[in-house]
Amino acid sequence: MTFSDALENLKQGKRIARSGWNGKGMWIVLVPDDSYGLGSKVPFDWGDKENHLKQWIGMKTADNGFVPWLASQTDVLADDWDIA
């Protein structure tokens, strides 16, 4: 599927991956704005937290890590996306 299709699947809570990625078992997922793990503690006074904590895309890495992910131009233009 295309990156546009992949984004729609992310928004539905699905994990997606590219067949062109070299690492085994890698996938990305949309991390909701209420999943920061900060609870009521934040690193500084944000005031109204609900308006500042935003969604982001995280990647499960080949070495079983989980990191923020940013699409490359190759990722955006690829059509080898699939549900993981």
Protein backbone atom coordinates (compact mmCIF):
# COMPACT_ATOMS: atom_id res chain seq x y z
CA MET A 1 0.00 0.00 0.00
CA THR A 2 1.04 3.63 -0.33
CA PHE A 3 2.15 5.87 2.53
CA SER A 4 -1.25 7.60 2.44
CA ASP A 5 -2.95 4.24 2.94
CA ALA A 6 -0.47 3.40 5.68
CA LEU A 7 -1.29 6.64 7.51
CA GLU A 8 -4.99 5.82 7.48
CA ASN A 9 -4.19 2.43 9.00
CA LEU A 10 -2.03 4.11 11.65
CA LYS A 11 -4.96 6.36 12.57
CA GLN A 12 -7.08 3.23 13.03
CA GLY A 13 -4.59 1.90 15.58
CA LYS A 14 -2.87 -0.63 13.33
CA ARG A 15 0.84 -1.37 13.22
CA ILE A 16 2.41 -0.92 9.80
CA ALA A 17 5.77 -1.73 8.24
CA ARG A 18 7.63 -1.61 4.96
CA SER A 19 8.83 -4.77 3.26
CA GLY A 20 11.84 -2.72 2.14
CA TRP A 21 13.14 -2.17 5.68
CA ASN A 22 16.30 -4.14 6.44
CA GLY A 23 15.59 -4.87 10.11
CA LYS A 24 13.49 -7.88 11.09
CA GLY A 25 10.33 -7.27 13.09
CA MET A 26 10.32 -3.49 12.68
CA TRP A 27 7.00 -1.65 12.60
CA ILE A 28 5.51 1.74 13.41
CA VAL A 29 2.42 2.73 15.36
CA LEU A 30 0.62 5.95 16.27
CA VAL A 31 1.21 6.76 19.93
CA PRO A 32 -1.89 8.53 21.30
CA ASP A 33 -1.54 11.80 23.16
CA ASP A 34 -2.56 10.12 26.44
CA SER A 35 0.21 7.48 26.26
CA TYR A 36 3.25 9.45 27.28
CA GLY A 37 3.65 7.59 30.57
CA LEU A 38 4.06 10.89 32.37
CA GLY A 39 0.84 10.62 34.35
CA SER A 40 0.39 13.78 36.34
CA LYS A 41 4.13 14.46 36.36
CA VAL A 42 5.66 16.47 33.54
CA PRO A 43 9.26 17.68 33.26
CA PHE A 44 8.18 21.31 33.61
CA ASP A 45 5.03 23.35 34.21
CA TRP A 46 2.98 23.10 31.02
CA GLY A 47 -0.19 24.44 32.55
CA ASP A 48 -2.96 22.81 30.52
CA LYS A 49 -1.37 19.44 29.60
CA GLU A 50 -4.27 18.29 27.44
CA ASN A 51 -3.52 21.00 24.90
CA HIS A 52 0.22 20.30 24.76
CA LEU A 53 0.69 16.53 24.68
CA LYS A 54 0.43 15.51 21.03
CA GLN A 55 0.31 12.24 19.12
CA TRP A 56 3.50 10.90 17.59
CA ILE A 57 4.66 7.90 15.59
CA GLY A 58 6.88 5.36 17.33
CA MET A 59 8.96 2.56 15.82
CA LYS A 60 9.65 -0.88 17.24
CA THR A 61 13.25 -1.44 16.26
CA ALA A 62 15.01 -4.64 15.17
CA ASP A 63 16.76 -4.79 18.58
CA ASN A 64 13.40 -4.55 20.43
CA GLY A 65 13.68 -0.86 21.24
CA PHE A 66 10.91 1.69 20.79
CA VAL A 67 11.84 5.13 19.48
CA PRO A 68 10.22 8.17 17.87
CA TRP A 69 10.10 7.73 14.09
CA LEU A 70 10.36 10.23 11.27
CA ALA A 71 9.58 9.27 7.66
CA SER A 72 12.30 9.64 5.06
CA GLN A 73 11.51 10.75 1.51
CA THR A 74 11.97 7.12 0.47
CA ASP A 75 9.38 6.02 3.05
CA VAL A 76 6.86 8.64 1.91
CA LEU A 77 7.20 7.67 -1.76
CA ALA A 78 7.27 3.88 -1.19
CA ASP A 79 4.35 1.64 -2.01
CA ASP A 80 5.57 -1.45 -0.13
CA TRP A 81 3.72 -0.65 3.12
CA ASP A 82 1.72 -3.39 4.81
CA ILE A 83 -0.05 -4.08 8.09
CA ALA A 84 2.41 -5.65 10.52
